[in-house]
PDB file of N, CA and C in Angstrom:
ATOM      1  N   MET A   1      -1.079 125.399 112.804  1.00  0.00           N
ATOM      2  CA  MET A   1      -0.948 126.211 111.612  1.00  0.00           C
ATOM      3  C   MET A   1       0.272 125.790 110.805  1.00  0.00           C
ATOM      4  N   ASN A   2       1.347 125.532 111.491  1.00  0.00           N
ATOM      5  CA  ASN A   2       2.574 125.133 110.842  1.00  0.00           C
ATOM      6  C   ASN A   2       2.436 123.756 110.192  1.00  0.00           C
ATOM      7  N   LEU A   3       1.709 122.874 110.838  1.00  0.00           N
ATOM      8  CA  LEU A   3       1.483 121.535 110.297  1.00  0.00           C
ATOM      9  C   LEU A   3       0.695 121.599 108.991  1.00  0.00           C
ATOM     10  N   MET A   4      -0.297 122.482 108.908  1.00  0.00           N
ATOM     11  CA  MET A   4      -1.083 122.629 107.678  1.00  0.00           C
ATOM     12  C   MET A   4      -0.204 123.097 106.524  1.00  0.00           C
ATOM     13  N   MET A   5       0.734 123.948 106.810  1.00  0.00           N
ATOM     14  CA  MET A   5       1.621 124.439 105.763  1.00  0.00           C
ATOM     15  C   MET A   5       2.516 123.312 105.247  1.00  0.00           C
ATOM     16  N   TYR A   6       2.984 122.449 106.148  1.00  0.00           N
ATOM     17  CA  TYR A   6       3.785 121.307 105.725  1.00  0.00           C
ATOM     18  C   TYR A   6       2.960 120.334 104.885  1.00  0.00           C
ATOM     19  N   ILE A   7       1.723 120.141 105.264  1.00  0.00           N
ATOM     20  CA  ILE A   7       0.850 119.228 104.508  1.00  0.00           C
ATOM     21  C   ILE A   7       0.591 119.782 103.112  1.00  0.00           C
ATOM     22  N   LYS A   8       0.310 121.073 102.999  1.00  0.00           N
ATOM     23  CA  LYS A   8       0.074 121.692 101.690  1.00  0.00           C
ATOM     24  C   LYS A   8       1.315 121.591 100.809  1.00  0.00           C
ATOM     25  N   ASN A   9       2.486 121.852 101.386  1.00  0.00           N
ATOM     26  CA  ASN A   9       3.720 121.743 100.616  1.00  0.00           C
ATOM     27  C   ASN A   9       3.979 120.308 100.172  1.00  0.00           C
ATOM     28  N   PHE A  10       3.717 119.358 101.049  1.00  0.00           N
ATOM     29  CA  PHE A  10       3.905 117.948 100.723  1.00  0.00           C
ATOM     30  C   PHE A  10       2.983 117.524  99.578  1.00  0.00           C
ATOM     31  N   ILE A  11       1.728 117.946  99.628  1.00  0.00           N
ATOM     32  CA  ILE A  11       0.771 117.611  98.570  1.00  0.00           C
ATOM     33  C   ILE A  11       1.191 118.250  97.250  1.00  0.00           C
ATOM     34  N   MET A  12       1.682 119.472  97.312  1.00  0.00           N
ATOM     35  CA  MET A  12       2.131 120.166  96.108  1.00  0.00           C
ATOM     36  C   MET A  12       3.338 119.454  95.499  1.00  0.00           C
ATOM     37  N   ILE A  13       4.271 119.035  96.324  1.00  0.00           N
ATOM     38  CA  ILE A  13       5.465 118.338  95.834  1.00  0.00           C
ATOM     39  C   ILE A  13       5.076 116.998  95.207  1.00  0.00           C
ATOM     40  N   ILE A  14       4.201 116.251  95.866  1.00  0.00           N
ATOM     41  CA  ILE A  14       3.761 114.948  95.341  1.00  0.00           C
ATOM     42  C   ILE A  14       3.040 115.120  94.005  1.00  0.00           C
ATOM     43  N   SER A  15       2.158 116.093  93.899  1.00  0.00           N
ATOM     44  CA  SER A  15       1.431 116.290  92.643  1.00  0.00           C
ATOM     45  C   SER A  15       2.373 116.711  91.518  1.00  0.00           C
ATOM     46  N   ASN A  16       3.356 117.557  91.814  1.00  0.00           N
ATOM     47  CA  ASN A  16       4.336 117.953  90.798  1.00  0.00           C
ATOM     48  C   ASN A  16       5.188 116.770  90.358  1.00  0.00           C
ATOM     49  N   ILE A  17       5.594 115.945  91.287  1.00  0.00           N
ATOM     50  CA  ILE A  17       6.376 114.749  90.945  1.00  0.00           C
ATOM     51  C   ILE A  17       5.559 113.824  90.057  1.00  0.00           C
ATOM     52  N   MET A  18       4.300 113.647  90.351  1.00  0.00           N
ATOM     53  CA  MET A  18       3.455 112.762  89.538  1.00  0.00           C
ATOM     54  C   MET A  18       3.253 113.318  88.130  1.00  0.00           C
ATOM     55  N   MET A  19       3.086 114.637  88.005  1.00  0.00           N
ATOM     56  CA  MET A  19       2.941 115.230  86.672  1.00  0.00           C
ATOM     57  C   MET A  19       4.224 115.078  85.864  1.00  0.00           C
ATOM     58  N   ILE A  20       5.357 115.307  86.497  1.00  0.00           N
ATOM     59  CA  ILE A  20       6.633 115.165  85.783  1.00  0.00           C
ATOM     60  C   ILE A  20       6.867 113.720  85.373  1.00  0.00           C
ATOM     61  N   LEU A  21       6.556 112.775  86.250  1.00  0.00           N
ATOM     62  CA  LEU A  21       6.701 111.357  85.917  1.00  0.00           C
ATOM     63  C   LEU A  21       5.777 110.956  84.760  1.00  0.00           C
ATOM     64  N   SER A  22       4.582 111.464  84.757  1.00  0.00           N
ATOM     65  CA  SER A  22       3.676 111.104  83.665  1.00  0.00           C
ATOM     66  C   SER A  22       4.157 111.664  82.336  1.00  0.00           C
ATOM     67  N   MET A  23       4.753 112.854  82.335  1.00  0.00           N
ATOM     68  CA  MET A  23       5.297 113.408  81.087  1.00  0.00           C
ATOM     69  C   MET A  23       6.514 112.610  80.625  1.00  0.00           C
ATOM     70  N   ILE A  24       7.337 112.172  81.546  1.00  0.00           N
ATOM     71  CA  ILE A  24       8.534 111.419  81.179  1.00  0.00           C
ATOM     72  C   ILE A  24       8.169 110.022  80.683  1.00  0.00           C
ATOM     73  N   LEU A  25       7.239 109.368  81.355  1.00  0.00           N
ATOM     74  CA  LEU A  25       6.915 107.978  81.040  1.00  0.00           C
ATOM     75  C   LEU A  25       5.873 107.817  79.928  1.00  0.00           C
ATOM     76  N   SER A  26       5.277 108.898  79.500  1.00  0.00           N
ATOM     77  CA  SER A  26       4.259 108.756  78.455  1.00  0.00           C
ATOM     78  C   SER A  26       4.910 108.317  77.157  1.00  0.00           C
ATOM     79  N   LYS A  27       4.157 107.605  76.337  1.00  0.00           N
ATOM     80  CA  LYS A  27       4.707 107.034  75.111  1.00  0.00           C
ATOM     81  C   LYS A  27       4.344 107.866  73.894  1.00  0.00           C
ATOM     82  N   LYS A  28       4.134 109.154  74.076  1.00  0.00           N
ATOM     83  CA  LYS A  28       3.832 110.014  72.938  1.00  0.00           C
ATOM     84  C   LYS A  28       5.086 110.180  72.095  1.00  0.00           C
ATOM     85  N   SER A  29       4.870 110.171  70.821  1.00  0.00           N
ATOM     86  CA  SER A  29       5.983 110.399  69.907  1.00  0.00           C
ATOM     87  C   SER A  29       5.479 111.167  68.697  1.00  0.00           C
ATOM     88  N   PHE A  30       6.381 111.435  67.791  1.00  0.00           N
ATOM     89  CA  PHE A  30       6.013 112.145  66.572  1.00  0.00           C
ATOM     90  C   PHE A  30       5.079 111.297  65.724  1.00  0.00           C
ATOM     91  N   MET A  31       5.165 109.981  65.845  1.00  0.00           N
ATOM     92  CA  MET A  31       4.324 109.077  65.051  1.00  0.00           C
ATOM     93  C   MET A  31       2.872 109.097  65.517  1.00  0.00           C
ATOM     94  N   ASP A  32       2.603 109.508  66.751  1.00  0.00           N
ATOM     95  CA  ASP A  32       1.234 109.554  67.279  1.00  0.00           C
ATOM     96  C   ASP A  32       0.543 110.874  66.962  1.00  0.00           C
ATOM     97  N   ARG A  33       1.124 111.668  66.106  1.00  0.00           N
ATOM     98  CA  ARG A  33       0.561 112.967  65.771  1.00  0.00           C
ATOM     99  C   ARG A  33      -0.841 112.823  65.178  1.00  0.00           C
ATOM    100  N   GLU A  34      -1.063 111.786  64.387  1.00  0.00           N
ATOM    101  CA  GLU A  34      -2.368 111.587  63.752  1.00  0.00           C
ATOM    102  C   GLU A  34      -3.448 111.274  64.790  1.00  0.00           C
ATOM    103  N   LYS A  35      -3.092 110.568  65.861  1.00  0.00           N
ATOM    104  CA  LYS A  35      -4.062 110.271  66.916  1.00  0.00           C
ATOM    105  C   LYS A  35      -4.511 111.535  67.635  1.00  0.00           C
ATOM    106  N   CYS A  36      -3.630 112.485  67.777  1.00  0.00           N
ATOM    107  CA  CYS A  36      -3.934 113.702  68.522  1.00  0.00           C
ATOM    108  C   CYS A  36      -4.619 114.772  67.669  1.00  0.00           C
ATOM    109  N   SER A  37      -4.731 114.529  66.371  1.00  0.00           N
ATOM    110  CA  SER A  37      -5.364 115.531  65.514  1.00  0.00           C
ATOM    111  C   SER A  37      -6.875 115.497  65.709  1.00  0.00           C
ATOM    112  N   PRO A  38      -7.557 116.596  65.450  1.00  0.00           N
ATOM    113  CA  PRO A  38      -9.011 116.617  65.609  1.00  0.00           C
ATOM    114  C   PRO A  38      -9.679 115.673  64.619  1.00  0.00           C
ATOM    115  N   PHE A  39     -10.731 115.031  65.055  1.00  0.00           N
ATOM    116  CA  PHE A  39     -11.448 114.052  64.232  1.00  0.00           C
ATOM    117  C   PHE A  39     -12.884 114.512  64.091  1.00  0.00           C
ATOM    118  N   GLU A  40     -13.320 114.724  62.858  1.00  0.00           N
ATOM    119  CA  GLU A  40     -14.669 115.219  62.621  1.00  0.00           C
ATOM    120  C   GLU A  40     -15.282 114.420  61.481  1.00  0.00           C
ATOM    121  N   CYS A  41     -16.252 113.602  61.758  1.00  0.00           N
ATOM    122  CA  CYS A  41     -17.047 112.891  60.742  1.00  0.00           C
ATOM    123  C   CYS A  41     -16.203 112.020  59.827  1.00  0.00           C
ATOM    124  N   GLY A  42     -15.059 111.551  60.254  1.00  0.00           N
ATOM    125  CA  GLY A  42     -14.258 110.660  59.435  1.00  0.00           C
ATOM    126  C   GLY A  42     -13.436 111.346  58.369  1.00  0.00           C
ATOM    127  N   PHE A  43     -13.434 112.663  58.302  1.00  0.00           N
ATOM    128  CA  PHE A  43     -12.659 113.375  57.295  1.00  0.00           C
ATOM    129  C   PHE A  43     -11.315 113.793  57.877  1.00  0.00           C
ATOM    130  N   ASP A  44     -10.281 113.709  57.063  1.00  0.00           N
ATOM    131  CA  ASP A  44      -8.967 114.182  57.465  1.00  0.00           C
ATOM    132  C   ASP A  44      -8.950 115.699  57.343  1.00  0.00           C
ATOM    133  N   PRO A  45      -8.663 116.434  58.411  1.00  0.00           N
ATOM    134  CA  PRO A  45      -8.725 117.891  58.338  1.00  0.00           C
ATOM    135  C   PRO A  45      -7.655 118.506  57.441  1.00  0.00           C
ATOM    136  N   LYS A  46      -6.622 117.752  57.110  1.00  0.00           N
ATOM    137  CA  LYS A  46      -5.544 118.298  56.292  1.00  0.00           C
ATOM    138  C   LYS A  46      -5.700 117.961  54.818  1.00  0.00           C
ATOM    139  N   SER A  47      -6.744 117.269  54.444  1.00  0.00           N
ATOM    140  CA  SER A  47      -6.925 116.872  53.052  1.00  0.00           C
ATOM    141  C   SER A  47      -7.863 117.837  52.334  1.00  0.00           C
ATOM    142  N   PHE A  48      -8.162 117.539  51.097  1.00  0.00           N
ATOM    143  CA  PHE A  48      -9.029 118.360  50.273  1.00  0.00           C
ATOM    144  C   PHE A  48     -10.440 118.379  50.851  1.00  0.00           C
ATOM    145  N   ALA A  49     -11.078 119.530  50.910  1.00  0.00           N
ATOM    146  CA  ALA A  49     -12.363 119.683  51.597  1.00  0.00           C
ATOM    147  C   ALA A  49     -13.546 119.200  50.772  1.00  0.00           C
ATOM    148  N   ARG A  50     -13.399 119.080  49.475  1.00  0.00           N
ATOM    149  CA  ARG A  50     -14.527 118.716  48.603  1.00  0.00           C
ATOM    150  C   ARG A  50     -14.598 117.223  48.326  1.00  0.00           C
ATOM    151  N   ILE A  51     -14.534 116.414  49.359  1.00  0.00           N
ATOM    152  CA  ILE A  51     -14.645 114.971  49.212  1.00  0.00           C
ATOM    153  C   ILE A  51     -16.121 114.600  49.180  1.00  0.00           C
ATOM    154  N   PRO A  52     -16.562 113.777  48.213  1.00  0.00           N
ATOM    155  CA  PRO A  52     -17.975 113.386  48.185  1.00  0.00           C
ATOM    156  C   PRO A  52     -18.320 112.483  49.374  1.00  0.00           C
ATOM    157  N   PHE A  53     -19.524 112.639  49.875  1.00  0.00           N
ATOM    158  CA  PHE A  53     -19.979 111.795  50.975  1.00  0.00           C
ATOM    159  C   PHE A  53     -21.424 111.394  50.716  1.00  0.00           C
ATOM    160  N   SER A  54     -21.892 110.440  51.462  1.00  0.00           N
ATOM    161  CA  SER A  54     -23.228 109.897  51.273  1.00  0.00           C
ATOM    162  C   SER A  54     -24.279 110.901  51.751  1.00  0.00           C
ATOM    163  N   LEU A  55     -25.157 111.291  50.854  1.00  0.00           N
ATOM    164  CA  LEU A  55     -26.233 112.209  51.208  1.00  0.00           C
ATOM    165  C   LEU A  55     -27.208 111.549  52.180  1.00  0.00           C
ATOM    166  N   HIS A  56     -27.396 110.250  52.021  1.00  0.00           N
ATOM    167  CA  HIS A  56     -28.299 109.546  52.932  1.00  0.00           C
ATOM    168  C   HIS A  56     -27.753 109.561  54.356  1.00  0.00           C
ATOM    169  N   PHE A  57     -26.450 109.399  54.501  1.00  0.00           N
ATOM    170  CA  PHE A  57     -25.830 109.486  55.824  1.00  0.00           C
ATOM    171  C   PHE A  57     -26.067 110.868  56.426  1.00  0.00           C
ATOM    172  N   PHE A  58     -25.961 111.898  55.606  1.00  0.00           N
ATOM    173  CA  PHE A  58     -26.204 113.264  56.067  1.00  0.00           C
ATOM    174  C   PHE A  58     -27.654 113.425  56.532  1.00  0.00           C
ATOM    175  N   LEU A  59     -28.620 112.888  55.778  1.00  0.00           N
ATOM    176  CA  LEU A  59     -30.038 113.002  56.163  1.00  0.00           C
ATOM    177  C   LEU A  59     -30.325 112.269  57.468  1.00  0.00           C
ATOM    178  N   ILE A  60     -29.736 111.099  57.636  1.00  0.00           N
ATOM    179  CA  ILE A  60     -29.914 110.353  58.897  1.00  0.00           C
ATOM    180  C   ILE A  60     -29.347 111.173  60.061  1.00  0.00           C
ATOM    181  N   THR A  61     -28.224 111.835  59.840  1.00  0.00           N
ATOM    182  CA  THR A  61     -27.627 112.663  60.890  1.00  0.00           C
ATOM    183  C   THR A  61     -28.535 113.828  61.244  1.00  0.00           C
ATOM    184  N   VAL A  62     -29.115 114.472  60.234  1.00  0.00           N
ATOM    185  CA  VAL A  62     -30.022 115.594  60.491  1.00  0.00           C
ATOM    186  C   VAL A  62     -31.256 115.117  61.241  1.00  0.00           C
ATOM    187  N   ILE A  63     -31.804 113.961  60.851  1.00  0.00           N
ATOM    188  CA  ILE A  63     -32.962 113.399  61.558  1.00  0.00           C
ATOM    189  C   ILE A  63     -32.610 113.142  63.018  1.00  0.00           C
ATOM    190  N   PHE A  64     -31.432 112.562  63.252  1.00  0.00           N
ATOM    191  CA  PHE A  64     -31.016 112.306  64.635  1.00  0.00           C
ATOM    192  C   PHE A  64     -30.929 113.603  65.422  1.00  0.00           C
ATOM    193  N   LEU A  65     -30.341 114.639  64.841  1.00  0.00           N
ATOM    194  CA  LEU A  65     -30.209 115.911  65.551  1.00  0.00           C
ATOM    195  C   LEU A  65     -31.570 116.526  65.861  1.00  0.00           C
ATOM    196  N   ILE A  66     -32.494 116.446  64.902  1.00  0.00           N
ATOM    197  CA  ILE A  66     -33.833 117.006  65.125  1.00  0.00           C
ATOM    198  C   ILE A  66     -34.525 116.280  66.266  1.00  0.00           C
ATOM    199  N   PHE A  67     -34.484 114.945  66.261  1.00  0.00           N
ATOM    200  CA  PHE A  67     -35.136 114.195  67.330  1.00  0.00           C
ATOM    201  C   PHE A  67     -34.418 114.378  68.662  1.00  0.00           C
ATOM    202  N   ASP A  68     -33.113 114.555  68.616  1.00  0.00           N
ATOM    203  CA  ASP A  68     -32.367 114.789  69.841  1.00  0.00           C
ATOM    204  C   ASP A  68     -32.782 116.119  70.476  1.00  0.00           C
ATOM    205  N   VAL A  69     -32.936 117.146  69.670  1.00  0.00           N
ATOM    206  CA  VAL A  69     -33.386 118.446  70.187  1.00  0.00           C
ATOM    207  C   VAL A  69     -34.819 118.346  70.693  1.00  0.00           C
ATOM    208  N   GLU A  70     -35.660 117.607  69.990  1.00  0.00           N
ATOM    209  CA  GLU A  70     -37.047 117.471  70.437  1.00  0.00           C
ATOM    210  C   GLU A  70     -37.126 116.720  71.769  1.00  0.00           C
ATOM    211  N   ILE A  71     -36.290 115.721  71.945  1.00  0.00           N
ATOM    212  CA  ILE A  71     -36.263 115.005  73.224  1.00  0.00           C
ATOM    213  C   ILE A  71     -35.803 115.952  74.334  1.00  0.00           C
ATOM    214  N   ALA A  72     -34.834 116.807  74.033  1.00  0.00           N
ATOM    215  CA  ALA A  72     -34.378 117.781  75.031  1.00  0.00           C
ATOM    216  C   ALA A  72     -35.485 118.774  75.371  1.00  0.00           C
ATOM    217  N   LEU A  73     -36.373 119.030  74.429  1.00  0.00           N
ATOM    218  CA  LEU A  73     -37.492 119.934  74.707  1.00  0.00           C
ATOM    219  C   LEU A  73     -38.609 119.244  75.492  1.00  0.00           C
ATOM    220  N   ILE A  74     -38.639 117.922  75.467  1.00  0.00           N
ATOM    221  CA  ILE A  74     -39.660 117.187  76.224  1.00  0.00           C
ATOM    222  C   ILE A  74     -39.360 117.239  77.731  1.00  0.00           C
ATOM    223  N   PHE A  75     -38.080 117.260  78.109  1.00  0.00           N
ATOM    224  CA  PHE A  75     -37.725 117.221  79.524  1.00  0.00           C
ATOM    225  C   PHE A  75     -38.369 118.321  80.366  1.00  0.00           C
ATOM    226  N   PRO A  76     -38.468 119.563  79.912  1.00  0.00           N
ATOM    227  CA  PRO A  76     -39.128 120.567  80.750  1.00  0.00           C
ATOM    228  C   PRO A  76     -40.632 120.340  80.916  1.00  0.00           C
ATOM    229  N   ILE A  77     -41.220 119.489  80.103  1.00  0.00           N
ATOM    230  CA  ILE A  77     -42.647 119.207  80.243  1.00  0.00           C
ATOM    231  C   ILE A  77     -42.911 118.403  81.524  1.00  0.00           C
ATOM    232  N   ILE A  78     -41.952 117.605  81.946  1.00  0.00           N
ATOM    233  CA  ILE A  78     -42.144 116.752  83.122  1.00  0.00           C
ATOM    234  C   ILE A  78     -42.339 117.575  84.402  1.00  0.00           C
ATOM    235  N   PRO A  79     -41.476 118.562  84.717  1.00  0.00           N
ATOM    236  CA  PRO A  79     -41.743 119.362  85.916  1.00  0.00           C
ATOM    237  C   PRO A  79     -42.977 120.251  85.769  1.00  0.00           C
ATOM    238  N   LEU A  80     -43.380 120.519  84.529  1.00  0.00           N
ATOM    239  CA  LEU A  80     -44.568 121.325  84.298  1.00  0.00           C
ATOM    240  C   LEU A  80     -45.818 120.625  84.846  1.00  0.00           C
ATOM    241  N   PHE A  81     -45.748 119.297  84.935  1.00  0.00           N
ATOM    242  CA  PHE A  81     -46.875 118.516  85.449  1.00  0.00           C
ATOM    243  C   PHE A  81     -47.228 118.926  86.877  1.00  0.00           C
ATOM    244  N   LYS A  82     -46.222 119.209  87.699  1.00  0.00           N
ATOM    245  CA  LYS A  82     -46.475 119.581  89.098  1.00  0.00           C
ATOM    246  C   LYS A  82     -46.945 121.025  89.243  1.00  0.00           C
ATOM    247  N   MET A  83     -46.610 121.866  88.260  1.00  0.00           N
ATOM    248  CA  MET A  83     -46.912 123.288  88.383  1.00  0.00           C
ATOM    249  C   MET A  83     -48.257 123.689  87.789  1.00  0.00           C
ATOM    250  N   THR A  84     -48.790 122.900  86.890  1.00  0.00           N
ATOM    251  CA  THR A  84     -50.017 123.301  86.190  1.00  0.00           C
ATOM    252  C   THR A  84     -51.132 122.293  86.425  1.00  0.00           C
ATOM    253  N   ASN A  85     -52.249 122.630  85.854  1.00  0.00           N
ATOM    254  CA  ASN A  85     -53.408 121.754  85.883  1.00  0.00           C
ATOM    255  C   ASN A  85     -53.122 120.520  85.027  1.00  0.00           C
ATOM    256  N   PHE A  86     -53.704 119.392  85.398  1.00  0.00           N
ATOM    257  CA  PHE A  86     -53.471 118.143  84.674  1.00  0.00           C
ATOM    258  C   PHE A  86     -53.917 118.246  83.220  1.00  0.00           C
ATOM    259  N   MET A  87     -55.044 118.887  82.948  1.00  0.00           N
ATOM    260  CA  MET A  87     -55.563 118.982  81.583  1.00  0.00           C
ATOM    261  C   MET A  87     -54.668 119.871  80.713  1.00  0.00           C
ATOM    262  N   ILE A  88     -54.103 120.928  81.270  1.00  0.00           N
ATOM    263  CA  ILE A  88     -53.187 121.782  80.509  1.00  0.00           C
ATOM    264  C   ILE A  88     -51.927 120.997  80.154  1.00  0.00           C
ATOM    265  N   TRP A  89     -51.445 120.219  81.118  1.00  0.00           N
ATOM    266  CA  TRP A  89     -50.264 119.404  80.881  1.00  0.00           C
ATOM    267  C   TRP A  89     -50.533 118.378  79.791  1.00  0.00           C
ATOM    268  N   ILE A  90     -51.693 117.737  79.817  1.00  0.00           N
ATOM    269  CA  ILE A  90     -52.058 116.750  78.795  1.00  0.00           C
ATOM    270  C   ILE A  90     -52.132 117.418  77.416  1.00  0.00           C
ATOM    271  N   LYS A  91     -52.711 118.608  77.336  1.00  0.00           N
ATOM    272  CA  LYS A  91     -52.835 119.299  76.049  1.00  0.00           C
ATOM    273  C   LYS A  91     -51.458 119.672  75.491  1.00  0.00           C
ATOM    274  N   ILE A  92     -50.588 120.197  76.336  1.00  0.00           N
ATOM    275  CA  ILE A  92     -49.252 120.575  75.882  1.00  0.00           C
ATOM    276  C   ILE A  92     -48.475 119.344  75.431  1.00  0.00           C
ATOM    277  N   SER A  93     -48.516 118.289  76.220  1.00  0.00           N
ATOM    278  CA  SER A  93     -47.806 117.060  75.877  1.00  0.00           C
ATOM    279  C   SER A  93     -48.353 116.450  74.596  1.00  0.00           C
ATOM    280  N   PHE A  94     -49.671 116.412  74.468  1.00  0.00           N
ATOM    281  CA  PHE A  94     -50.301 115.834  73.284  1.00  0.00           C
ATOM    282  C   PHE A  94     -49.938 116.651  72.044  1.00  0.00           C
ATOM    283  N   PHE A  95     -49.967 117.970  72.138  1.00  0.00           N
ATOM    284  CA  PHE A  95     -49.623 118.834  71.014  1.00  0.00           C
ATOM    285  C   PHE A  95     -48.170 118.613  70.581  1.00  0.00           C
ATOM    286  N   PHE A  96     -47.272 118.525  71.548  1.00  0.00           N
ATOM    287  CA  PHE A  96     -45.867 118.325  71.233  1.00  0.00           C
ATOM    288  C   PHE A  96     -45.638 116.958  70.597  1.00  0.00           C
ATOM    289  N   LEU A  97     -46.276 115.928  71.133  1.00  0.00           N
ATOM    290  CA  LEU A  97     -46.107 114.593  70.563  1.00  0.00           C
ATOM    291  C   LEU A  97     -46.730 114.485  69.177  1.00  0.00           C
ATOM    292  N   ILE A  98     -47.812 115.204  68.921  1.00  0.00           N
ATOM    293  CA  ILE A  98     -48.406 115.209  67.581  1.00  0.00           C
ATOM    294  C   ILE A  98     -47.424 115.818  66.579  1.00  0.00           C
ATOM    295  N   ILE A  99     -46.775 116.925  66.942  1.00  0.00           N
ATOM    296  CA  ILE A  99     -45.772 117.531  66.061  1.00  0.00           C
ATOM    297  C   ILE A  99     -44.619 116.558  65.818  1.00  0.00           C
ATOM    298  N   LEU A 100     -44.184 115.878  66.858  1.00  0.00           N
ATOM    299  CA  LEU A 100     -43.105 114.901  66.738  1.00  0.00           C
ATOM    300  C   LEU A 100     -43.502 113.750  65.814  1.00  0.00           C
ATOM    301  N   LEU A 101     -44.708 113.238  65.971  1.00  0.00           N
ATOM    302  CA  LEU A 101     -45.180 112.131  65.128  1.00  0.00           C
ATOM    303  C   LEU A 101     -45.419 112.576  63.692  1.00  0.00           C
ATOM    304  N   MET A 102     -45.857 113.819  63.496  1.00  0.00           N
ATOM    305  CA  MET A 102     -46.022 114.324  62.125  1.00  0.00           C
ATOM    306  C   MET A 102     -44.666 114.406  61.421  1.00  0.00           C
ATOM    307  N   GLY A 103     -43.631 114.832  62.130  1.00  0.00           N
ATOM    308  CA  GLY A 103     -42.291 114.867  61.554  1.00  0.00           C
ATOM    309  C   GLY A 103     -41.786 113.476  61.221  1.00  0.00           C
ATOM    310  N   LEU A 104     -42.033 112.517  62.108  1.00  0.00           N
ATOM    311  CA  LEU A 104     -41.642 111.133  61.851  1.00  0.00           C
ATOM    312  C   LEU A 104     -42.382 110.569  60.644  1.00  0.00           C
ATOM    313  N   TYR A 105     -43.677 110.864  60.528  1.00  0.00           N
ATOM    314  CA  TYR A 105     -44.461 110.396  59.387  1.00  0.00           C
ATOM    315  C   TYR A 105     -43.948 111.013  58.083  1.00  0.00           C
ATOM    316  N   HIS A 106     -43.605 112.294  58.116  1.00  0.00           N
ATOM    317  CA  HIS A 106     -43.080 112.966  56.921  1.00  0.00           C
ATOM    318  C   HIS A 106     -41.761 112.326  56.478  1.00  0.00           C
ATOM    319  N   GLU A 107     -40.879 112.038  57.440  1.00  0.00           N
ATOM    320  CA  GLU A 107     -39.605 111.406  57.113  1.00  0.00           C
ATOM    321  C   GLU A 107     -39.817 109.996  56.577  1.00  0.00           C
ATOM    322  N   TRP A 108     -40.772 109.294  57.132  1.00  0.00           N
ATOM    323  CA  TRP A 108     -41.081 107.949  56.659  1.00  0.00           C
ATOM    324  C   TRP A 108     -41.663 108.019  55.254  1.00  0.00           C
ATOM    325  N   ASN A 109     -42.529 109.004  55.010  1.00  0.00           N
ATOM    326  CA  ASN A 109     -43.158 109.186  53.707  1.00  0.00           C
ATOM    327  C   ASN A 109     -42.124 109.547  52.636  1.00  0.00           C
ATOM    328  N   GLN A 110     -41.081 110.278  52.996  1.00  0.00           N
ATOM    329  CA  GLN A 110     -40.024 110.665  52.066  1.00  0.00           C
ATOM    330  C   GLN A 110     -38.952 109.592  51.908  1.00  0.00           C
ATOM    331  N   ASN A 111     -39.134 108.444  52.527  1.00  0.00           N
ATOM    332  CA  ASN A 111     -38.172 107.307  52.513  1.00  0.00           C
ATOM    333  C   ASN A 111     -36.806 107.696  53.052  1.00  0.00           C
ATOM    334  N   MET A 112     -36.774 108.599  54.012  1.00  0.00           N
ATOM    335  CA  MET A 112     -35.507 108.966  54.634  1.00  0.00           C
ATOM    336  C   MET A 112     -35.079 107.945  55.668  1.00  0.00           C
ATOM    337  N   LEU A 113     -35.982 107.109  56.123  1.00  0.00           N
ATOM    338  CA  LEU A 113     -35.656 106.134  57.146  1.00  0.00           C
ATOM    339  C   LEU A 113     -35.178 104.803  56.562  1.00  0.00           C
ATOM    340  N   ASN A 114     -35.286 104.637  55.245  1.00  0.00           N
ATOM    341  CA  ASN A 114     -34.806 103.425  54.592  1.00  0.00           C
ATOM    342  C   ASN A 114     -33.326 103.569  54.286  1.00  0.00           C
ATOM    343  N   TRP A 115     -32.514 102.719  54.854  1.00  0.00           N
ATOM    344  CA  TRP A 115     -31.083 102.815  54.649  1.00  0.00           C
ATOM    345  C   TRP A 115     -30.673 102.229  53.298  1.00  0.00           C
ATOM    346  N   THR A 116     -31.485 101.389  52.681  1.00  0.00           N
ATOM    347  CA  THR A 116     -31.111 100.689  51.467  1.00  0.00           C
ATOM    348  C   THR A 116     -31.294 101.514  50.208  1.00  0.00           C
ATOM    349  N   ASN A 117     -31.876 102.684  50.265  1.00  0.00           N
ATOM    350  CA  ASN A 117     -32.066 103.499  49.056  1.00  0.00           C
ATOM    351  C   ASN A 117     -30.774 104.069  48.574  1.00  0.00           C
TER     352      ASN A 117
END
């Protein structure tokens, strides 16, 4: 029992020494303040908020988010295969993929996928 207490104290002392050494030896300075500031979409958080940006870039971002959410919704369909009938699984998967392809076709039809516009 006494040995365990010495080991715990030793580990605590070593971890505290390492944290103090890392704070002392780190090269952070006042000049690195910009690196530590929050970074969101390339905008400086301390500047004027009404900076113009590319609408096409915004549309591509929205398309990515929509497809990312749809892919996340596809994952629960995979375990559904083991729990349900094969034909029900095929119908659900086919219906979901049709909706996904209709959205892709609509975006293609609206020329949202062309970066050169």
